PDB file of N, CA and C in Angstrom:
ATOM      1  N   MET A   1      29.338 -46.969  10.901  1.00  0.00           N
ATOM      2  CA  MET A   1      28.247 -46.036  10.691  1.00  0.00           C
ATOM      3  C   MET A   1      26.964 -46.744  11.115  1.00  0.00           C
ATOM      4  N   SER A   2      26.110 -46.030  11.828  1.00  0.00           N
ATOM      5  CA  SER A   2      24.848 -46.597  12.288  1.00  0.00           C
ATOM      6  C   SER A   2      23.802 -46.487  11.186  1.00  0.00           C
ATOM      7  N   ALA A   3      22.663 -47.114  11.398  1.00  0.00           N
ATOM      8  CA  ALA A   3      21.575 -47.061  10.416  1.00  0.00           C
ATOM      9  C   ALA A   3      21.019 -45.660  10.279  1.00  0.00           C
ATOM     10  N   TRP A   4      21.319 -44.784  11.190  1.00  0.00           N
ATOM     11  CA  TRP A   4      20.789 -43.423  11.163  1.00  0.00           C
ATOM     12  C   TRP A   4      21.719 -42.450  10.440  1.00  0.00           C
ATOM     13  N   GLY A   5      22.876 -42.874   9.994  1.00  0.00           N
ATOM     14  CA  GLY A   5      23.746 -42.019   9.210  1.00  0.00           C
ATOM     15  C   GLY A   5      24.806 -41.276  10.003  1.00  0.00           C
ATOM     16  N   PHE A   6      25.091 -41.700  11.209  1.00  0.00           N
ATOM     17  CA  PHE A   6      26.171 -41.060  11.952  1.00  0.00           C
ATOM     18  C   PHE A   6      26.915 -42.128  12.724  1.00  0.00           C
ATOM     19  N   SER A   7      28.139 -41.795  13.087  1.00  0.00           N
ATOM     20  CA  SER A   7      28.943 -42.757  13.842  1.00  0.00           C
ATOM     21  C   SER A   7      29.317 -42.141  15.184  1.00  0.00           C
ATOM     22  N   ILE A   8      29.574 -42.991  16.122  1.00  0.00           N
ATOM     23  CA  ILE A   8      29.967 -42.572  17.462  1.00  0.00           C
ATOM     24  C   ILE A   8      31.311 -43.203  17.770  1.00  0.00           C
ATOM     25  N   THR A   9      32.247 -42.385  18.226  1.00  0.00           N
ATOM     26  CA  THR A   9      33.553 -42.888  18.607  1.00  0.00           C
ATOM     27  C   THR A   9      33.714 -42.661  20.103  1.00  0.00           C
ATOM     28  N   LEU A  10      34.011 -43.707  20.822  1.00  0.00           N
ATOM     29  CA  LEU A  10      34.241 -43.606  22.256  1.00  0.00           C
ATOM     30  C   LEU A  10      35.735 -43.694  22.518  1.00  0.00           C
ATOM     31  N   SER A  11      36.226 -42.806  23.332  1.00  0.00           N
ATOM     32  CA  SER A  11      37.636 -42.811  23.677  1.00  0.00           C
ATOM     33  C   SER A  11      37.810 -43.491  25.018  1.00  0.00           C
ATOM     34  N   THR A  12      38.808 -44.339  25.095  1.00  0.00           N
ATOM     35  CA  THR A  12      39.123 -44.977  26.369  1.00  0.00           C
ATOM     36  C   THR A  12      40.283 -44.270  27.056  1.00  0.00           C
ATOM     37  N   GLU A  13      40.815 -43.205  26.428  1.00  0.00           N
ATOM     38  CA  GLU A  13      41.897 -42.428  27.021  1.00  0.00           C
ATOM     39  C   GLU A  13      41.338 -41.561  28.147  1.00  0.00           C
ATOM     40  N   PRO A  14      41.982 -41.561  29.297  1.00  0.00           N
ATOM     41  CA  PRO A  14      41.517 -40.679  30.378  1.00  0.00           C
ATOM     42  C   PRO A  14      41.812 -39.226  30.018  1.00  0.00           C
ATOM     43  N   HIS A  15      40.911 -38.367  30.367  1.00  0.00           N
ATOM     44  CA  HIS A  15      41.087 -36.938  30.144  1.00  0.00           C
ATOM     45  C   HIS A  15      41.115 -36.252  31.499  1.00  0.00           C
ATOM     46  N   LEU A  16      42.242 -35.674  31.815  1.00  0.00           N
ATOM     47  CA  LEU A  16      42.407 -34.993  33.081  1.00  0.00           C
ATOM     48  C   LEU A  16      42.319 -33.493  32.824  1.00  0.00           C
ATOM     49  N   ILE A  17      41.306 -32.881  33.374  1.00  0.00           N
ATOM     50  CA  ILE A  17      41.132 -31.448  33.207  1.00  0.00           C
ATOM     51  C   ILE A  17      41.324 -30.791  34.558  1.00  0.00           C
ATOM     52  N   MET A  18      42.376 -29.985  34.649  1.00  0.00           N
ATOM     53  CA  MET A  18      42.667 -29.271  35.892  1.00  0.00           C
ATOM     54  C   MET A  18      42.284 -27.812  35.693  1.00  0.00           C
ATOM     55  N   SER A  19      41.648 -27.276  36.675  1.00  0.00           N
ATOM     56  CA  SER A  19      41.275 -25.869  36.629  1.00  0.00           C
ATOM     57  C   SER A  19      41.800 -25.206  37.890  1.00  0.00           C
ATOM     58  N   THR A  20      42.542 -24.144  37.707  1.00  0.00           N
ATOM     59  CA  THR A  20      43.109 -23.439  38.842  1.00  0.00           C
ATOM     60  C   THR A  20      42.263 -22.225  39.174  1.00  0.00           C
ATOM     61  N   THR A  21      41.996 -22.058  40.452  1.00  0.00           N
ATOM     62  CA  THR A  21      41.279 -20.886  40.943  1.00  0.00           C
ATOM     63  C   THR A  21      42.291 -19.953  41.581  1.00  0.00           C
ATOM     64  N   PHE A  22      42.306 -18.700  41.122  1.00  0.00           N
ATOM     65  CA  PHE A  22      43.168 -17.670  41.691  1.00  0.00           C
ATOM     66  C   PHE A  22      42.297 -16.747  42.531  1.00  0.00           C
ATOM     67  N   THR A  23      42.711 -16.536  43.781  1.00  0.00           N
ATOM     68  CA  THR A  23      41.950 -15.686  44.689  1.00  0.00           C
ATOM     69  C   THR A  23      42.837 -14.554  45.176  1.00  0.00           C
ATOM     70  N   TRP A  24      42.423 -13.334  44.874  1.00  0.00           N
ATOM     71  CA  TRP A  24      43.113 -12.138  45.336  1.00  0.00           C
ATOM     72  C   TRP A  24      42.408 -11.654  46.600  1.00  0.00           C
ATOM     73  N   ALA A  25      43.187 -11.263  47.601  1.00  0.00           N
ATOM     74  CA  ALA A  25      42.614 -10.782  48.858  1.00  0.00           C
ATOM     75  C   ALA A  25      43.469  -9.640  49.399  1.00  0.00           C
ATOM     76  N   ILE A  26      42.868  -8.856  50.256  1.00  0.00           N
ATOM     77  CA  ILE A  26      43.567  -7.763  50.922  1.00  0.00           C
ATOM     78  C   ILE A  26      43.826  -8.195  52.357  1.00  0.00           C
ATOM     79  N   ALA A  27      45.103  -8.244  52.736  1.00  0.00           N
ATOM     80  CA  ALA A  27      45.480  -8.653  54.088  1.00  0.00           C
ATOM     81  C   ALA A  27      45.413  -7.491  55.067  1.00  0.00           C
ATOM     82  N   ASN A  28      45.774  -6.287  54.599  1.00  0.00           N
ATOM     83  CA  ASN A  28      45.773  -5.130  55.488  1.00  0.00           C
ATOM     84  C   ASN A  28      45.877  -3.855  54.656  1.00  0.00           C
ATOM     85  N   LEU A  29      45.375  -2.770  55.201  1.00  0.00           N
ATOM     86  CA  LEU A  29      45.482  -1.454  54.586  1.00  0.00           C
ATOM     87  C   LEU A  29      46.129  -0.504  55.578  1.00  0.00           C
ATOM     88  N   GLU A  30      46.990   0.369  55.068  1.00  0.00           N
ATOM     89  CA  GLU A  30      47.574   1.419  55.890  1.00  0.00           C
ATOM     90  C   GLU A  30      46.976   2.734  55.413  1.00  0.00           C
ATOM     91  N   ARG A  31      46.540   3.560  56.368  1.00  0.00           N
ATOM     92  CA  ARG A  31      45.851   4.794  56.007  1.00  0.00           C
ATOM     93  C   ARG A  31      46.239   5.925  56.942  1.00  0.00           C
ATOM     94  N   GLU A  32      45.970   7.130  56.477  1.00  0.00           N
ATOM     95  CA  GLU A  32      46.147   8.302  57.319  1.00  0.00           C
ATOM     96  C   GLU A  32      44.866   8.492  58.122  1.00  0.00           C
ATOM     97  N   THR A  33      45.003   8.711  59.412  1.00  0.00           N
ATOM     98  CA  THR A  33      43.818   8.810  60.270  1.00  0.00           C
ATOM     99  C   THR A  33      43.039  10.104  60.068  1.00  0.00           C
ATOM    100  N   GLN A  34      43.716  11.142  59.605  1.00  0.00           N
ATOM    101  CA  GLN A  34      43.046  12.431  59.433  1.00  0.00           C
ATOM    102  C   GLN A  34      41.904  12.359  58.417  1.00  0.00           C
ATOM    103  N   ASP A  35      42.158  11.729  57.265  1.00  0.00           N
ATOM    104  CA  ASP A  35      41.125  11.704  56.223  1.00  0.00           C
ATOM    105  C   ASP A  35      40.851  10.309  55.647  1.00  0.00           C
ATOM    106  N   GLY A  36      41.539   9.286  56.152  1.00  0.00           N
ATOM    107  CA  GLY A  36      41.295   7.925  55.694  1.00  0.00           C
ATOM    108  C   GLY A  36      42.000   7.545  54.404  1.00  0.00           C
ATOM    109  N   PHE A  37      42.895   8.403  53.905  1.00  0.00           N
ATOM    110  CA  PHE A  37      43.625   8.101  52.675  1.00  0.00           C
ATOM    111  C   PHE A  37      44.423   6.813  52.840  1.00  0.00           C
ATOM    112  N   VAL A  38      44.135   5.834  51.990  1.00  0.00           N
ATOM    113  CA  VAL A  38      44.854   4.561  52.002  1.00  0.00           C
ATOM    114  C   VAL A  38      46.106   4.727  51.147  1.00  0.00           C
ATOM    115  N   TYR A  39      47.257   4.652  51.805  1.00  0.00           N
ATOM    116  CA  TYR A  39      48.511   4.860  51.080  1.00  0.00           C
ATOM    117  C   TYR A  39      49.266   3.564  50.813  1.00  0.00           C
ATOM    118  N   ASN A  40      48.827   2.457  51.415  1.00  0.00           N
ATOM    119  CA  ASN A  40      49.510   1.184  51.201  1.00  0.00           C
ATOM    120  C   ASN A  40      48.527   0.038  51.400  1.00  0.00           C
ATOM    121  N   ALA A  41      48.626  -0.962  50.540  1.00  0.00           N
ATOM    122  CA  ALA A  41      47.798  -2.166  50.668  1.00  0.00           C
ATOM    123  C   ALA A  41      48.702  -3.391  50.662  1.00  0.00           C
ATOM    124  N   HIS A  42      48.423  -4.308  51.540  1.00  0.00           N
ATOM    125  CA  HIS A  42      49.102  -5.602  51.598  1.00  0.00           C
ATOM    126  C   HIS A  42      48.117  -6.620  51.040  1.00  0.00           C
ATOM    127  N   TYR A  43      48.570  -7.402  50.068  1.00  0.00           N
ATOM    128  CA  TYR A  43      47.649  -8.300  49.374  1.00  0.00           C
ATOM    129  C   TYR A  43      48.226  -9.704  49.272  1.00  0.00           C
ATOM    130  N   THR A  44      47.342 -10.656  49.061  1.00  0.00           N
ATOM    131  CA  THR A  44      47.741 -12.044  48.838  1.00  0.00           C
ATOM    132  C   THR A  44      47.055 -12.554  47.578  1.00  0.00           C
ATOM    133  N   ILE A  45      47.699 -13.510  46.953  1.00  0.00           N
ATOM    134  CA  ILE A  45      47.099 -14.223  45.824  1.00  0.00           C
ATOM    135  C   ILE A  45      47.290 -15.706  46.114  1.00  0.00           C
ATOM    136  N   SER A  46      46.199 -16.450  46.093  1.00  0.00           N
ATOM    137  CA  SER A  46      46.320 -17.888  46.285  1.00  0.00           C
ATOM    138  C   SER A  46      45.842 -18.593  45.018  1.00  0.00           C
ATOM    139  N   ALA A  47      46.511 -19.688  44.717  1.00  0.00           N
ATOM    140  CA  ALA A  47      46.165 -20.511  43.563  1.00  0.00           C
ATOM    141  C   ALA A  47      45.878 -21.915  44.073  1.00  0.00           C
ATOM    142  N   ASN A  48      44.784 -22.495  43.614  1.00  0.00           N
ATOM    143  CA  ASN A  48      44.394 -23.828  44.063  1.00  0.00           C
ATOM    144  C   ASN A  48      43.784 -24.580  42.897  1.00  0.00           C
ATOM    145  N   ASP A  49      44.296 -25.779  42.644  1.00  0.00           N
ATOM    146  CA  ASP A  49      43.746 -26.582  41.546  1.00  0.00           C
ATOM    147  C   ASP A  49      42.931 -27.769  42.048  1.00  0.00           C
ATOM    148  N   GLY A  50      42.593 -27.758  43.332  1.00  0.00           N
ATOM    149  CA  GLY A  50      41.823 -28.853  43.909  1.00  0.00           C
ATOM    150  C   GLY A  50      42.703 -29.886  44.582  1.00  0.00           C
ATOM    151  N   THR A  51      43.970 -29.939  44.198  1.00  0.00           N
ATOM    152  CA  THR A  51      44.923 -30.860  44.796  1.00  0.00           C
ATOM    153  C   THR A  51      46.085 -30.108  45.424  1.00  0.00           C
ATOM    154  N   TYR A  52      46.622 -29.177  44.684  1.00  0.00           N
ATOM    155  CA  TYR A  52      47.785 -28.412  45.130  1.00  0.00           C
ATOM    156  C   TYR A  52      47.424 -26.940  45.281  1.00  0.00           C
ATOM    157  N   SER A  53      48.243 -26.257  46.097  1.00  0.00           N
ATOM    158  CA  SER A  53      48.027 -24.819  46.264  1.00  0.00           C
ATOM    159  C   SER A  53      49.372 -24.105  46.300  1.00  0.00           C
ATOM    160  N   ALA A  54      49.332 -22.830  45.958  1.00  0.00           N
ATOM    161  CA  ALA A  54      50.510 -21.966  45.995  1.00  0.00           C
ATOM    162  C   ALA A  54      50.014 -20.569  46.327  1.00  0.00           C
ATOM    163  N   GLY A  55      50.907 -19.724  46.787  1.00  0.00           N
ATOM    164  CA  GLY A  55      50.472 -18.383  47.135  1.00  0.00           C
ATOM    165  C   GLY A  55      51.583 -17.362  47.014  1.00  0.00           C
ATOM    166  N   ALA A  56      51.179 -16.111  47.026  1.00  0.00           N
ATOM    167  CA  ALA A  56      52.119 -14.996  46.975  1.00  0.00           C
ATOM    168  C   ALA A  56      51.579 -13.868  47.848  1.00  0.00           C
ATOM    169  N   TYR A  57      52.499 -13.024  48.303  1.00  0.00           N
ATOM    170  CA  TYR A  57      52.156 -11.888  49.154  1.00  0.00           C
ATOM    171  C   TYR A  57      52.899 -10.679  48.631  1.00  0.00           C
ATOM    172  N   GLY A  58      52.262  -9.532  48.699  1.00  0.00           N
ATOM    173  CA  GLY A  58      52.944  -8.313  48.286  1.00  0.00           C
ATOM    174  C   GLY A  58      52.309  -7.099  48.930  1.00  0.00           C
ATOM    175  N   SER A  59      52.955  -5.971  48.737  1.00  0.00           N
ATOM    176  CA  SER A  59      52.373  -4.710  49.181  1.00  0.00           C
ATOM    177  C   SER A  59      52.657  -3.671  48.112  1.00  0.00           C
ATOM    178  N   VAL A  60      51.771  -2.701  48.033  1.00  0.00           N
ATOM    179  CA  VAL A  60      51.897  -1.663  47.020  1.00  0.00           C
ATOM    180  C   VAL A  60      51.417  -0.342  47.602  1.00  0.00           C
ATOM    181  N   GLY A  61      52.115   0.718  47.234  1.00  0.00           N
ATOM    182  CA  GLY A  61      51.740   2.044  47.702  1.00  0.00           C
ATOM    183  C   GLY A  61      50.899   2.769  46.663  1.00  0.00           C
ATOM    184  N   PHE A  62      50.114   3.724  47.132  1.00  0.00           N
ATOM    185  CA  PHE A  62      49.229   4.493  46.257  1.00  0.00           C
ATOM    186  C   PHE A  62      49.542   5.979  46.357  1.00  0.00           C
ATOM    187  N   GLU A  63      49.377   6.666  45.247  1.00  0.00           N
ATOM    188  CA  GLU A  63      49.452   8.123  45.222  1.00  0.00           C
ATOM    189  C   GLU A  63      48.103   8.665  45.696  1.00  0.00           C
ATOM    190  N   ARG A  64      48.140   9.814  46.328  1.00  0.00           N
ATOM    191  CA  ARG A  64      46.895  10.431  46.798  1.00  0.00           C
ATOM    192  C   ARG A  64      46.042  10.837  45.587  1.00  0.00           C
ATOM    193  N   PRO A  65      44.784  10.369  45.533  1.00  0.00           N
ATOM    194  CA  PRO A  65      43.903  10.750  44.425  1.00  0.00           C
ATOM    195  C   PRO A  65      43.307  12.143  44.655  1.00  0.00           C
ATOM    196  N   GLU A  66      42.699  12.673  43.609  1.00  0.00           N
ATOM    197  CA  GLU A  66      42.062  13.984  43.733  1.00  0.00           C
ATOM    198  C   GLU A  66      40.877  13.943  44.693  1.00  0.00           C
ATOM    199  N   SER A  67      40.135  12.843  44.677  1.00  0.00           N
ATOM    200  CA  SER A  67      39.014  12.697  45.613  1.00  0.00           C
ATOM    201  C   SER A  67      39.126  11.336  46.297  1.00  0.00           C
ATOM    202  N   LEU A  68      38.750  11.300  47.559  1.00  0.00           N
ATOM    203  CA  LEU A  68      38.865  10.083  48.360  1.00  0.00           C
ATOM    204  C   LEU A  68      37.510   9.411  48.536  1.00  0.00           C
ATOM    205  N   ILE A  69      37.539   8.099  48.514  1.00  0.00           N
ATOM    206  CA  ILE A  69      36.379   7.325  48.946  1.00  0.00           C
ATOM    207  C   ILE A  69      36.526   7.199  50.457  1.00  0.00           C
ATOM    208  N   PRO A  70      35.506   7.531  51.225  1.00  0.00           N
ATOM    209  CA  PRO A  70      35.626   7.379  52.681  1.00  0.00           C
ATOM    210  C   PRO A  70      36.059   5.951  53.038  1.00  0.00           C
ATOM    211  N   PHE A  71      36.983   5.855  53.976  1.00  0.00           N
ATOM    212  CA  PHE A  71      37.563   4.563  54.339  1.00  0.00           C
ATOM    213  C   PHE A  71      36.501   3.517  54.640  1.00  0.00           C
ATOM    214  N   ASP A  72      35.476   3.886  55.412  1.00  0.00           N
ATOM    215  CA  ASP A  72      34.456   2.909  55.793  1.00  0.00           C
ATOM    216  C   ASP A  72      33.524   2.540  54.641  1.00  0.00           C
ATOM    217  N   GLU A  73      33.697   3.168  53.476  1.00  0.00           N
ATOM    218  CA  GLU A  73      32.891   2.820  52.305  1.00  0.00           C
ATOM    219  C   GLU A  73      33.678   2.019  51.264  1.00  0.00           C
ATOM    220  N   LEU A  74      34.951   1.744  51.553  1.00  0.00           N
ATOM    221  CA  LEU A  74      35.762   0.946  50.629  1.00  0.00           C
ATOM    222  C   LEU A  74      35.292  -0.503  50.639  1.00  0.00           C
ATOM    223  N   SER A  75      35.355  -1.135  49.489  1.00  0.00           N
ATOM    224  CA  SER A  75      35.063  -2.568  49.398  1.00  0.00           C
ATOM    225  C   SER A  75      36.336  -3.293  48.993  1.00  0.00           C
ATOM    226  N   LYS A  76      36.398  -4.565  49.295  1.00  0.00           N
ATOM    227  CA  LYS A  76      37.596  -5.321  48.921  1.00  0.00           C
ATOM    228  C   LYS A  76      37.760  -5.352  47.406  1.00  0.00           C
ATOM    229  N   GLU A  77      36.655  -5.375  46.655  1.00  0.00           N
ATOM    230  CA  GLU A  77      36.742  -5.399  45.196  1.00  0.00           C
ATOM    231  C   GLU A  77      37.403  -4.125  44.662  1.00  0.00           C
ATOM    232  N   VAL A  78      37.024  -2.979  45.241  1.00  0.00           N
ATOM    233  CA  VAL A  78      37.616  -1.703  44.816  1.00  0.00           C
ATOM    234  C   VAL A  78      39.114  -1.704  45.101  1.00  0.00           C
ATOM    235  N   VAL A  79      39.504  -2.116  46.299  1.00  0.00           N
ATOM    236  CA  VAL A  79      40.918  -2.088  46.670  1.00  0.00           C
ATOM    237  C   VAL A  79      41.704  -3.101  45.850  1.00  0.00           C
ATOM    238  N   ILE A  80      41.149  -4.273  45.579  1.00  0.00           N
ATOM    239  CA  ILE A  80      41.832  -5.255  44.736  1.00  0.00           C
ATOM    240  C   ILE A  80      42.050  -4.672  43.341  1.00  0.00           C
ATOM    241  N   ASP A  81      41.067  -3.971  42.808  1.00  0.00           N
ATOM    242  CA  ASP A  81      41.251  -3.303  41.517  1.00  0.00           C
ATOM    243  C   ASP A  81      42.377  -2.279  41.586  1.00  0.00           C
ATOM    244  N   TRP A  82      42.449  -1.505  42.675  1.00  0.00           N
ATOM    245  CA  TRP A  82      43.544  -0.539  42.852  1.00  0.00           C
ATOM    246  C   TRP A  82      44.892  -1.255  42.838  1.00  0.00           C
ATOM    247  N   VAL A  83      44.963  -2.367  43.582  1.00  0.00           N
ATOM    248  CA  VAL A  83      46.208  -3.130  43.678  1.00  0.00           C
ATOM    249  C   VAL A  83      46.625  -3.617  42.294  1.00  0.00           C
ATOM    250  N   LYS A  84      45.701  -4.235  41.585  1.00  0.00           N
ATOM    251  CA  LYS A  84      46.030  -4.771  40.258  1.00  0.00           C
ATOM    252  C   LYS A  84      46.511  -3.672  39.317  1.00  0.00           C
ATOM    253  N   GLU A  85      45.872  -2.530  39.366  1.00  0.00           N
ATOM    254  CA  GLU A  85      46.290  -1.408  38.519  1.00  0.00           C
ATOM    255  C   GLU A  85      47.665  -0.901  38.944  1.00  0.00           C
ATOM    256  N   ALA A  86      47.889  -0.767  40.263  1.00  0.00           N
ATOM    257  CA  ALA A  86      49.146  -0.215  40.770  1.00  0.00           C
ATOM    258  C   ALA A  86      50.347  -1.123  40.491  1.00  0.00           C
ATOM    259  N   ILE A  87      50.131  -2.441  40.432  1.00  0.00           N
ATOM    260  CA  ILE A  87      51.260  -3.352  40.185  1.00  0.00           C
ATOM    261  C   ILE A  87      51.589  -3.495  38.707  1.00  0.00           C
ATOM    262  N   GLY A  88      50.735  -2.967  37.842  1.00  0.00           N
ATOM    263  CA  GLY A  88      51.044  -3.046  36.414  1.00  0.00           C
ATOM    264  C   GLY A  88      49.902  -3.510  35.541  1.00  0.00           C
ATOM    265  N   GLY A  89      48.708  -3.563  36.083  1.00  0.00           N
ATOM    266  CA  GLY A  89      47.538  -3.918  35.283  1.00  0.00           C
ATOM    267  C   GLY A  89      47.468  -5.399  34.934  1.00  0.00           C
ATOM    268  N   GLU A  90      46.657  -5.690  33.938  1.00  0.00           N
ATOM    269  CA  GLU A  90      46.385  -7.090  33.577  1.00  0.00           C
ATOM    270  C   GLU A  90      47.641  -7.854  33.158  1.00  0.00           C
ATOM    271  N   GLU A  91      48.599  -7.155  32.554  1.00  0.00           N
ATOM    272  CA  GLU A  91      49.837  -7.831  32.142  1.00  0.00           C
ATOM    273  C   GLU A  91      50.572  -8.406  33.350  1.00  0.00           C
ATOM    274  N   LYS A  92      50.685  -7.621  34.412  1.00  0.00           N
ATOM    275  CA  LYS A  92      51.366  -8.081  35.626  1.00  0.00           C
ATOM    276  C   LYS A  92      50.525  -9.126  36.362  1.00  0.00           C
ATOM    277  N   VAL A  93      49.207  -8.949  36.387  1.00  0.00           N
ATOM    278  CA  VAL A  93      48.315  -9.938  37.002  1.00  0.00           C
ATOM    279  C   VAL A  93      48.511 -11.296  36.313  1.00  0.00           C
ATOM    280  N   THR A  94      48.533 -11.282  34.999  1.00  0.00           N
ATOM    281  CA  THR A  94      48.733 -12.517  34.226  1.00  0.00           C
ATOM    282  C   THR A  94      50.089 -13.138  34.543  1.00  0.00           C
ATOM    283  N   GLU A  95      51.125 -12.305  34.664  1.00  0.00           N
ATOM    284  CA  GLU A  95      52.470 -12.786  34.980  1.00  0.00           C
ATOM    285  C   GLU A  95      52.510 -13.457  36.356  1.00  0.00           C
ATOM    286  N   ILE A  96      51.897 -12.838  37.343  1.00  0.00           N
ATOM    287  CA  ILE A  96      51.869 -13.398  38.703  1.00  0.00           C
ATOM    288  C   ILE A  96      51.103 -14.716  38.713  1.00  0.00           C
ATOM    289  N   GLU A  97      49.934 -14.737  38.085  1.00  0.00           N
ATOM    290  CA  GLU A  97      49.129 -15.953  38.065  1.00  0.00           C
ATOM    291  C   GLU A  97      49.842 -17.065  37.295  1.00  0.00           C
ATOM    292  N   ALA A  98      50.580 -16.725  36.237  1.00  0.00           N
ATOM    293  CA  ALA A  98      51.344 -17.728  35.491  1.00  0.00           C
ATOM    294  C   ALA A  98      52.461 -18.308  36.359  1.00  0.00           C
ATOM    295  N   ALA A  99      53.102 -17.470  37.174  1.00  0.00           N
ATOM    296  CA  ALA A  99      54.151 -17.958  38.069  1.00  0.00           C
ATOM    297  C   ALA A  99      53.572 -18.907  39.118  1.00  0.00           C
ATOM    298  N   LEU A 100      52.404 -18.577  39.640  1.00  0.00           N
ATOM    299  CA  LEU A 100      51.751 -19.472  40.609  1.00  0.00           C
ATOM    300  C   LEU A 100      51.332 -20.773  39.930  1.00  0.00           C
ATOM    301  N   GLN A 101      50.852 -20.680  38.706  1.00  0.00           N
ATOM    302  CA  GLN A 101      50.478 -21.891  37.960  1.00  0.00           C
ATOM    303  C   GLN A 101      51.705 -22.767  37.741  1.00  0.00           C
ATOM    304  N   ALA A 102      52.847 -22.157  37.452  1.00  0.00           N
ATOM    305  CA  ALA A 102      54.084 -22.923  37.268  1.00  0.00           C
ATOM    306  C   ALA A 102      54.457 -23.663  38.551  1.00  0.00           C
ATOM    307  N   GLN A 103      54.225 -23.026  39.708  1.00  0.00           N
ATOM    308  CA  GLN A 103      54.486 -23.708  40.982  1.00  0.00           C
ATOM    309  C   GLN A 103      53.574 -24.920  41.145  1.00  0.00           C
ATOM    310  N   LEU A 104      52.298 -24.764  40.789  1.00  0.00           N
ATOM    311  CA  LEU A 104      51.366 -25.898  40.877  1.00  0.00           C
ATOM    312  C   LEU A 104      51.785 -27.010  39.913  1.00  0.00           C
ATOM    313  N   ASP A 105      52.181 -26.629  38.708  1.00  0.00           N
ATOM    314  CA  ASP A 105      52.611 -27.617  37.714  1.00  0.00           C
ATOM    315  C   ASP A 105      53.833 -28.384  38.213  1.00  0.00           C
ATOM    316  N   GLU A 106      54.757 -27.688  38.862  1.00  0.00           N
ATOM    317  CA  GLU A 106      55.951 -28.337  39.401  1.00  0.00           C
ATOM    318  C   GLU A 106      55.580 -29.302  40.537  1.00  0.00           C
ATOM    319  N   LYS A 107      54.619 -28.926  41.347  1.00  0.00           N
ATOM    320  CA  LYS A 107      54.166 -29.823  42.412  1.00  0.00           C
ATOM    321  C   LYS A 107      53.515 -31.079  41.830  1.00  0.00           C
ATOM    322  N   ARG A 108      52.736 -30.888  40.767  1.00  0.00           N
ATOM    323  CA  ARG A 108      52.029 -32.002  40.144  1.00  0.00           C
ATOM    324  C   ARG A 108      52.996 -32.951  39.439  1.00  0.00           C
ATOM    325  N   SER A 109      53.990 -32.399  38.749  1.00  0.00           N
ATOM    326  CA  SER A 109      54.965 -33.196  37.989  1.00  0.00           C
ATOM    327  C   SER A 109      56.358 -32.649  38.269  1.00  0.00           C
ATOM    328  N   PRO A 110      56.951 -33.035  39.393  1.00  0.00           N
ATOM    329  CA  PRO A 110      58.249 -32.472  39.778  1.00  0.00           C
ATOM    330  C   PRO A 110      59.340 -32.731  38.743  1.00  0.00           C
ATOM    331  N   THR A 111      60.166 -31.717  38.542  1.00  0.00           N
ATOM    332  CA  THR A 111      61.314 -31.848  37.641  1.00  0.00           C
ATOM    333  C   THR A 111      62.611 -31.876  38.425  1.00  0.00           C
ATOM    334  N   LYS A 112      62.537 -31.694  39.736  1.00  0.00           N
ATOM    335  CA  LYS A 112      63.708 -31.709  40.599  1.00  0.00           C
ATOM    336  C   LYS A 112      63.368 -32.500  41.861  1.00  0.00           C
ATOM    337  N   ALA A 113      64.403 -33.077  42.454  1.00  0.00           N
ATOM    338  CA  ALA A 113      64.222 -33.838  43.691  1.00  0.00           C
ATOM    339  C   ALA A 113      65.482 -33.744  44.528  1.00  0.00           C
ATOM    340  N   ALA A 114      65.385 -34.078  45.792  1.00  0.00           N
ATOM    341  CA  ALA A 114      66.526 -34.079  46.698  1.00  0.00           C
ATOM    342  C   ALA A 114      66.540 -35.389  47.465  1.00  0.00           C
ATOM    343  N   GLY A 115      67.688 -35.761  47.947  1.00  0.00           N
ATOM    344  CA  GLY A 115      67.791 -36.974  48.751  1.00  0.00           C
ATOM    345  C   GLY A 115      69.054 -37.743  48.389  1.00  0.00           C
ATOM    346  N   VAL A 116      69.210 -38.858  49.072  1.00  0.00           N
ATOM    347  CA  VAL A 116      70.360 -39.736  48.815  1.00  0.00           C
ATOM    348  C   VAL A 116      69.837 -41.100  48.386  1.00  0.00           C
ATOM    349  N   PRO A 117      70.602 -41.842  47.598  1.00  0.00           N
ATOM    350  CA  PRO A 117      70.124 -43.134  47.092  1.00  0.00           C
ATOM    351  C   PRO A 117      70.236 -44.286  48.082  1.00  0.00           C
ATOM    352  N   TRP A 118      70.794 -44.084  49.229  1.00  0.00           N
ATOM    353  CA  TRP A 118      70.913 -45.156  50.215  1.00  0.00           C
ATOM    354  C   TRP A 118      70.004 -44.903  51.413  1.00  0.00           C
ATOM    355  N   ALA A 119      69.714 -45.963  52.102  1.00  0.00           N
ATOM    356  CA  ALA A 119      68.817 -45.857  53.248  1.00  0.00           C
ATOM    357  C   ALA A 119      69.526 -45.474  54.504  1.00  0.00           C
TER     358      ALA A 119
END
């Protein structure tokens, strides 16, 4: 305890804090030329922790909505929201991101290996 009434404890243990960034993107959209209705989106999800990366690709179809946003007014954020909702909402988003995180964890600390013991 110091003369001021408090103590300071210093840890010599290293603390490794990994943070994974998940990036959702739209690779391509399929639409009807007559009115611009987007009926299919191809998307990617990439995970990066600064050292390792993993990714996934998928496509999802959409039902025709009652009103359309003109194709040239769509933003990637709007379409990514459509994709996330169409695949199952936040529960499915969490599941996909957890699977990508598991791939990064396996790369960081492998539990399986291949090879032969001789040269």
